[in-house]
PDB file of all heavy atoms in Angstrom:
ATOM      1  N   TYR A   1      -4.064  -0.070 -10.870  1.00  0.00           N
ATOM      2  CA  TYR A   1      -2.866   0.473 -11.512  1.00  0.00           C
ATOM      3  C   TYR A   1      -2.030   1.174 -10.445  1.00  0.00           C
ATOM      4  O   TYR A   1      -0.789   0.995 -10.412  1.00  0.00           O
ATOM      5  CB  TYR A   1      -3.253   1.480 -12.606  1.00  0.00           C
ATOM      6  CG  TYR A   1      -2.052   2.221 -13.154  1.00  0.00           C
ATOM      7  CD1 TYR A   1      -1.330   1.691 -14.241  1.00  0.00           C
ATOM      8  CD2 TYR A   1      -1.620   3.442 -12.606  1.00  0.00           C
ATOM      9  CE1 TYR A   1      -0.245   2.351 -14.725  1.00  0.00           C
ATOM     10  CE2 TYR A   1      -0.518   4.104 -13.112  1.00  0.00           C
ATOM     11  CZ  TYR A   1       0.163   3.523 -14.163  1.00  0.00           C
ATOM     12  OH  TYR A   1       1.314   4.183 -14.640  1.00  0.00           O
ATOM     13  N   LYS A   2      -2.614   1.977  -9.614  1.00  0.00           N
ATOM     14  CA  LYS A   2      -1.895   2.669  -8.559  1.00  0.00           C
ATOM     15  C   LYS A   2      -1.217   1.680  -7.581  1.00  0.00           C
ATOM     16  O   LYS A   2      -0.089   1.904  -7.132  1.00  0.00           O
ATOM     17  CB  LYS A   2      -2.808   3.631  -7.817  1.00  0.00           C
ATOM     18  CG  LYS A   2      -3.239   4.846  -8.666  1.00  0.00           C
ATOM     19  CD  LYS A   2      -4.269   5.673  -7.915  1.00  0.00           C
ATOM     20  CE  LYS A   2      -4.746   6.807  -8.811  1.00  0.00           C
ATOM     21  NZ  LYS A   2      -5.787   7.598  -8.160  1.00  0.00           N
ATOM     22  N   LEU A   3      -1.922   0.606  -7.244  1.00  0.00           N
ATOM     23  CA  LEU A   3      -1.355  -0.388  -6.355  1.00  0.00           C
ATOM     24  C   LEU A   3      -0.125  -1.082  -7.010  1.00  0.00           C
ATOM     25  O   LEU A   3       0.901  -1.289  -6.387  1.00  0.00           O
ATOM     26  CB  LEU A   3      -2.366  -1.486  -5.984  1.00  0.00           C
ATOM     27  CG  LEU A   3      -3.486  -1.086  -5.075  1.00  0.00           C
ATOM     28  CD1 LEU A   3      -4.498  -2.213  -4.953  1.00  0.00           C
ATOM     29  CD2 LEU A   3      -2.939  -0.687  -3.719  1.00  0.00           C
ATOM     30  N   GLU A   4      -0.321  -1.442  -8.272  1.00  0.00           N
ATOM     31  CA  GLU A   4       0.779  -2.150  -8.966  1.00  0.00           C
ATOM     32  C   GLU A   4       1.994  -1.258  -9.196  1.00  0.00           C
ATOM     33  O   GLU A   4       3.103  -1.753  -9.318  1.00  0.00           O
ATOM     34  CB  GLU A   4       0.271  -2.701 -10.307  1.00  0.00           C
ATOM     35  CG  GLU A   4      -0.733  -3.782 -10.114  1.00  0.00           C
ATOM     36  CD  GLU A   4      -1.253  -4.348 -11.482  1.00  0.00           C
ATOM     37  OE1 GLU A   4      -0.888  -3.828 -12.547  1.00  0.00           O
ATOM     38  OE2 GLU A   4      -2.009  -5.313 -11.417  1.00  0.00           O
ATOM     39  N   HIS A   5       1.783   0.038  -9.251  1.00  0.00           N
ATOM     40  CA  HIS A   5       2.854   0.985  -9.519  1.00  0.00           C
ATOM     41  C   HIS A   5       3.295   1.790  -8.278  1.00  0.00           C
ATOM     42  O   HIS A   5       3.955   2.829  -8.360  1.00  0.00           O
ATOM     43  CB  HIS A   5       2.520   1.928 -10.664  1.00  0.00           C
ATOM     44  CG  HIS A   5       2.460   1.201 -11.973  1.00  0.00           C
ATOM     45  ND1 HIS A   5       1.298   0.557 -12.384  1.00  0.00           N
ATOM     46  CD2 HIS A   5       3.415   0.962 -12.860  1.00  0.00           C
ATOM     47  CE1 HIS A   5       1.612  -0.017 -13.564  1.00  0.00           C
ATOM     48  NE2 HIS A   5       2.854   0.197 -13.866  1.00  0.00           N
ATOM     49  N   LEU A   6       2.836   1.296  -7.072  1.00  0.00           N
ATOM     50  CA  LEU A   6       3.266   1.861  -5.772  1.00  0.00           C
ATOM     51  C   LEU A   6       2.842   3.341  -5.617  1.00  0.00           C
ATOM     52  O   LEU A   6       3.557   4.083  -4.926  1.00  0.00           O
ATOM     53  CB  LEU A   6       4.770   1.697  -5.549  1.00  0.00           C
ATOM     54  CG  LEU A   6       5.310   0.297  -5.789  1.00  0.00           C
ATOM     55  CD1 LEU A   6       6.850   0.328  -5.567  1.00  0.00           C
ATOM     56  CD2 LEU A   6       4.676  -0.714  -4.874  1.00  0.00           C
ATOM     57  N   GLU A   7       1.793   3.755  -6.261  1.00  0.00           N
ATOM     58  CA  GLU A   7       1.330   5.134  -6.156  1.00  0.00           C
ATOM     59  C   GLU A   7       0.388   5.364  -4.978  1.00  0.00           C
ATOM     60  O   GLU A   7      -0.033   6.483  -4.730  1.00  0.00           O
ATOM     61  CB  GLU A   7       0.729   5.557  -7.456  1.00  0.00           C
ATOM     62  CG  GLU A   7       1.698   5.623  -8.619  1.00  0.00           C
ATOM     63  CD  GLU A   7       1.036   6.036  -9.930  1.00  0.00           C
ATOM     64  OE1 GLU A   7      -0.144   6.487  -9.899  1.00  0.00           O
ATOM     65  OE2 GLU A   7       1.712   5.913 -10.923  1.00  0.00           O
ATOM     66  N   THR A   8       0.011   4.287  -4.291  1.00  0.00           N
ATOM     67  CA  THR A   8      -0.892   4.414  -3.182  1.00  0.00           C
ATOM     68  C   THR A   8      -0.549   3.293  -2.163  1.00  0.00           C
ATOM     69  O   THR A   8      -0.024   2.321  -2.524  1.00  0.00           O
ATOM     70  CB  THR A   8      -2.354   4.340  -3.594  1.00  0.00           C
ATOM     71  OG1 THR A   8      -3.215   4.678  -2.494  1.00  0.00           O
ATOM     72  CG2 THR A   8      -2.765   2.985  -4.092  1.00  0.00           C
ATOM     73  N   ASN A   9      -0.923   3.585  -0.930  1.00  0.00           N
ATOM     74  CA  ASN A   9      -0.774   2.535   0.106  1.00  0.00           C
ATOM     75  C   ASN A   9      -2.021   1.681   0.108  1.00  0.00           C
ATOM     76  O   ASN A   9      -3.096   2.148  -0.140  1.00  0.00           O
ATOM     77  CB  ASN A   9      -0.590   3.182   1.500  1.00  0.00           C
ATOM     78  CG  ASN A   9       0.750   3.823   1.665  1.00  0.00           C
ATOM     79  OD1 ASN A   9       1.760   3.284   1.190  1.00  0.00           O
ATOM     80  ND2 ASN A   9       0.767   4.963   2.322  1.00  0.00           N
ATOM     81  N   ILE A  10      -1.839   0.429   0.455  1.00  0.00           N
ATOM     82  CA  ILE A  10      -2.951  -0.518   0.552  1.00  0.00           C
ATOM     83  C   ILE A  10      -3.310  -0.797   1.975  1.00  0.00           C
ATOM     84  O   ILE A  10      -2.398  -0.965   2.803  1.00  0.00           O
ATOM     85  CB  ILE A  10      -2.702  -1.796  -0.248  1.00  0.00           C
ATOM     86  CG1 ILE A  10      -3.934  -2.608  -0.374  1.00  0.00           C
ATOM     87  CG2 ILE A  10      -1.548  -2.603   0.365  1.00  0.00           C
ATOM     88  CD1 ILE A  10      -3.820  -3.725  -1.409  1.00  0.00           C
ATOM     89  N   THR A  11      -4.590  -0.796   2.313  1.00  0.00           N
ATOM     90  CA  THR A  11      -5.006  -1.132   3.646  1.00  0.00           C
ATOM     91  C   THR A  11      -5.219  -2.660   3.693  1.00  0.00           C
ATOM     92  O   THR A  11      -5.335  -3.327   2.651  1.00  0.00           O
ATOM     93  CB  THR A  11      -6.331  -0.429   4.053  1.00  0.00           C
ATOM     94  OG1 THR A  11      -7.380  -0.919   3.179  1.00  0.00           O
ATOM     95  CG2 THR A  11      -6.216   1.093   3.905  1.00  0.00           C
ATOM     96  N   ILE A  12      -5.282  -3.196   4.906  1.00  0.00           N
ATOM     97  CA  ILE A  12      -5.521  -4.597   5.080  1.00  0.00           C
ATOM     98  C   ILE A  12      -6.910  -5.006   4.482  1.00  0.00           C
ATOM     99  O   ILE A  12      -6.994  -6.001   3.793  1.00  0.00           O
ATOM    100  CB  ILE A  12      -5.462  -5.018   6.555  1.00  0.00           C
ATOM    101  CG1 ILE A  12      -4.079  -4.720   7.122  1.00  0.00           C
ATOM    102  CG2 ILE A  12      -5.891  -6.448   6.752  1.00  0.00           C
ATOM    103  CD1 ILE A  12      -2.956  -5.561   6.547  1.00  0.00           C
ATOM    104  N   ASN A  13      -7.882  -4.156   4.661  1.00  0.00           N
ATOM    105  CA  ASN A  13      -9.217  -4.437   4.130  1.00  0.00           C
ATOM    106  C   ASN A  13      -9.197  -4.449   2.611  1.00  0.00           C
ATOM    107  O   ASN A  13      -9.836  -5.315   2.011  1.00  0.00           O
ATOM    108  CB  ASN A  13     -10.249  -3.414   4.655  1.00  0.00           C
ATOM    109  CG  ASN A  13     -10.530  -3.529   6.100  1.00  0.00           C
ATOM    110  OD1 ASN A  13     -10.397  -4.630   6.651  1.00  0.00           O
ATOM    111  ND2 ASN A  13     -10.996  -2.460   6.704  1.00  0.00           N
ATOM    112  N   THR A  14      -8.525  -3.529   1.998  1.00  0.00           N
ATOM    113  CA  THR A  14      -8.407  -3.485   0.521  1.00  0.00           C
ATOM    114  C   THR A  14      -7.632  -4.689   0.033  1.00  0.00           C
ATOM    115  O   THR A  14      -7.980  -5.295  -0.982  1.00  0.00           O
ATOM    116  CB  THR A  14      -7.806  -2.184   0.077  1.00  0.00           C
ATOM    117  OG1 THR A  14      -8.624  -1.086   0.521  1.00  0.00           O
ATOM    118  CG2 THR A  14      -7.707  -2.098  -1.450  1.00  0.00           C
ATOM    119  N   LEU A  15      -6.591  -5.063   0.726  1.00  0.00           N
ATOM    120  CA  LEU A  15      -5.769  -6.194   0.331  1.00  0.00           C
ATOM    121  C   LEU A  15      -6.641  -7.479   0.369  1.00  0.00           C
ATOM    122  O   LEU A  15      -6.608  -8.276  -0.563  1.00  0.00           O
ATOM    123  CB  LEU A  15      -4.553  -6.418   1.223  1.00  0.00           C
ATOM    124  CG  LEU A  15      -3.677  -7.574   0.918  1.00  0.00           C
ATOM    125  CD1 LEU A  15      -3.166  -7.559  -0.506  1.00  0.00           C
ATOM    126  CD2 LEU A  15      -2.501  -7.617   1.909  1.00  0.00           C
ATOM    127  N   GLU A  16      -7.481  -7.573   1.376  1.00  0.00           N
ATOM    128  CA  GLU A  16      -8.368  -8.746   1.449  1.00  0.00           C
ATOM    129  C   GLU A  16      -9.350  -8.739   0.262  1.00  0.00           C
ATOM    130  O   GLU A  16      -9.617  -9.796  -0.326  1.00  0.00           O
ATOM    131  CB  GLU A  16      -9.124  -8.733   2.747  1.00  0.00           C
ATOM    132  CG  GLU A  16      -9.919 -10.005   2.990  1.00  0.00           C
ATOM    133  CD  GLU A  16     -10.595 -10.050   4.377  1.00  0.00           C
ATOM    134  OE1 GLU A  16     -10.979  -8.990   4.893  1.00  0.00           O
ATOM    135  OE2 GLU A  16     -10.667 -11.127   4.858  1.00  0.00           O
ATOM    136  N   LYS A  17      -9.883  -7.578  -0.092  1.00  0.00           N
ATOM    137  CA  LYS A  17     -10.793  -7.506  -1.242  1.00  0.00           C
ATOM    138  C   LYS A  17     -10.078  -7.910  -2.534  1.00  0.00           C
ATOM    139  O   LYS A  17     -10.651  -8.588  -3.400  1.00  0.00           O
ATOM    140  CB  LYS A  17     -11.326  -6.061  -1.404  1.00  0.00           C
ATOM    141  CG  LYS A  17     -12.310  -5.641  -0.401  1.00  0.00           C
ATOM    142  CD  LYS A  17     -12.735  -4.180  -0.689  1.00  0.00           C
ATOM    143  CE  LYS A  17     -13.688  -3.632   0.315  1.00  0.00           C
ATOM    144  NZ  LYS A  17     -14.079  -2.257  -0.022  1.00  0.00           N
ATOM    145  N   VAL A  18      -8.827  -7.445  -2.694  1.00  0.00           N
ATOM    146  CA  VAL A  18      -8.060  -7.733  -3.909  1.00  0.00           C
ATOM    147  C   VAL A  18      -7.760  -9.262  -3.944  1.00  0.00           C
ATOM    148  O   VAL A  18      -7.893  -9.901  -4.989  1.00  0.00           O
ATOM    149  CB  VAL A  18      -6.770  -6.908  -3.957  1.00  0.00           C
ATOM    150  CG1 VAL A  18      -5.867  -7.401  -5.077  1.00  0.00           C
ATOM    151  CG2 VAL A  18      -7.119  -5.463  -4.188  1.00  0.00           C
ATOM    152  N   MET A  19      -7.398  -9.822  -2.796  1.00  0.00           N
ATOM    153  CA  MET A  19      -7.114 -11.271  -2.778  1.00  0.00           C
ATOM    154  C   MET A  19      -8.355 -12.048  -3.135  1.00  0.00           C
ATOM    155  O   MET A  19      -8.293 -13.010  -3.890  1.00  0.00           O
ATOM    156  CB  MET A  19      -6.589 -11.687  -1.397  1.00  0.00           C
ATOM    157  CG  MET A  19      -5.155 -11.193  -1.179  1.00  0.00           C
ATOM    158  SD  MET A  19      -4.338 -11.868   0.331  1.00  0.00           S
ATOM    159  CE  MET A  19      -5.546 -11.782   1.544  1.00  0.00           C
ATOM    160  N   ASN A  20      -9.559 -11.622  -2.669  1.00  0.00           N
ATOM    161  CA  ASN A  20     -10.778 -12.272  -3.039  1.00  0.00           C
ATOM    162  C   ASN A  20     -11.058 -12.139  -4.527  1.00  0.00           C
ATOM    163  O   ASN A  20     -11.481 -13.083  -5.150  1.00  0.00           O
ATOM    164  CB  ASN A  20     -11.959 -11.734  -2.241  1.00  0.00           C
ATOM    165  CG  ASN A  20     -11.908 -12.160  -0.786  1.00  0.00           C
ATOM    166  OD1 ASN A  20     -11.391 -13.226  -0.417  1.00  0.00           O
ATOM    167  ND2 ASN A  20     -12.486 -11.344   0.089  1.00  0.00           N
ATOM    168  N   ALA A  21     -10.798 -10.929  -5.058  1.00  0.00           N
ATOM    169  CA  ALA A  21     -11.002 -10.726  -6.515  1.00  0.00           C
ATOM    170  C   ALA A  21     -10.058 -11.596  -7.306  1.00  0.00           C
ATOM    171  O   ALA A  21     -10.412 -12.037  -8.431  1.00  0.00           O
ATOM    172  CB  ALA A  21     -10.822  -9.241  -6.831  1.00  0.00           C
ATOM    173  N   LEU A  22      -8.859 -11.808  -6.780  1.00  0.00           N
ATOM    174  CA  LEU A  22      -7.908 -12.648  -7.471  1.00  0.00           C
ATOM    175  C   LEU A  22      -8.124 -14.123  -7.241  1.00  0.00           C
ATOM    176  O   LEU A  22      -7.402 -15.007  -7.730  1.00  0.00           O
ATOM    177  CB  LEU A  22      -6.493 -12.306  -7.027  1.00  0.00           C
ATOM    178  CG  LEU A  22      -5.944 -10.930  -7.466  1.00  0.00           C
ATOM    179  CD1 LEU A  22      -4.671 -10.582  -6.710  1.00  0.00           C
ATOM    180  CD2 LEU A  22      -5.707 -10.933  -8.993  1.00  0.00           C
ATOM    181  N   GLU A  23      -9.103 -14.450  -6.371  1.00  0.00           N
ATOM    182  CA  GLU A  23      -9.488 -15.836  -6.068  1.00  0.00           C
ATOM    183  C   GLU A  23      -8.279 -16.575  -5.441  1.00  0.00           C
ATOM    184  O   GLU A  23      -7.988 -17.693  -5.796  1.00  0.00           O
ATOM    185  CB  GLU A  23      -9.961 -16.563  -7.300  1.00  0.00           C
ATOM    186  CG  GLU A  23     -11.168 -15.921  -7.948  1.00  0.00           C
ATOM    187  CD  GLU A  23     -11.524 -16.518  -9.281  1.00  0.00           C
ATOM    188  OE1 GLU A  23     -10.709 -17.245  -9.856  1.00  0.00           O
ATOM    189  OE2 GLU A  23     -12.628 -16.188  -9.726  1.00  0.00           O
ATOM    190  N   CYS A  24      -7.602 -15.872  -4.481  1.00  0.00           N
ATOM    191  CA  CYS A  24      -6.511 -16.556  -3.782  1.00  0.00           C
ATOM    192  C   CYS A  24      -6.625 -16.284  -2.284  1.00  0.00           C
ATOM    193  O   CYS A  24      -7.205 -15.318  -1.883  1.00  0.00           O
ATOM    194  CB  CYS A  24      -5.179 -16.054  -4.331  1.00  0.00           C
ATOM    195  SG  CYS A  24      -4.729 -14.389  -3.985  1.00  0.00           S
ATOM    196  N   ASP A  25      -6.037 -17.209  -1.547  1.00  0.00           N
ATOM    197  CA  ASP A  25      -6.074 -17.059  -0.092  1.00  0.00           C
ATOM    198  C   ASP A  25      -4.776 -16.479   0.361  1.00  0.00           C
ATOM    199  O   ASP A  25      -3.856 -16.158  -0.426  1.00  0.00           O
ATOM    200  CB  ASP A  25      -6.344 -18.413   0.574  1.00  0.00           C
ATOM    201  CG  ASP A  25      -5.327 -19.501   0.219  1.00  0.00           C
ATOM    202  OD1 ASP A  25      -4.298 -19.138  -0.320  1.00  0.00           O
ATOM    203  OD2 ASP A  25      -5.587 -20.655   0.505  1.00  0.00           O
ATOM    204  N   ILE A  26      -4.667 -16.302   1.697  1.00  0.00           N
ATOM    205  CA  ILE A  26      -3.445 -15.687   2.304  1.00  0.00           C
ATOM    206  C   ILE A  26      -2.169 -16.478   1.904  1.00  0.00           C
ATOM    207  O   ILE A  26      -1.182 -15.886   1.533  1.00  0.00           O
ATOM    208  CB  ILE A  26      -3.620 -15.594   3.791  1.00  0.00           C
ATOM    209  CG1 ILE A  26      -4.755 -14.657   4.166  1.00  0.00           C
ATOM    210  CG2 ILE A  26      -2.311 -15.091   4.477  1.00  0.00           C
ATOM    211  CD1 ILE A  26      -5.137 -14.694   5.631  1.00  0.00           C
ATOM    212  N   SER A  27      -2.253 -17.794   2.067  1.00  0.00           N
ATOM    213  CA  SER A  27      -1.115 -18.604   1.772  1.00  0.00           C
ATOM    214  C   SER A  27      -0.588 -18.488   0.361  1.00  0.00           C
ATOM    215  O   SER A  27       0.605 -18.393   0.138  1.00  0.00           O
ATOM    216  CB  SER A  27      -1.402 -20.089   2.116  1.00  0.00           C
ATOM    217  OG  SER A  27      -1.713 -20.237   3.464  1.00  0.00           O
TER     218      SER A  27
END
């Protein structure tokens, strides 16, 4: 919720975890 509403900064490591959870790659 905080990520989607810009209430927190995202780290590269967390972004990678979220992309894996979303089942999507970088591209």
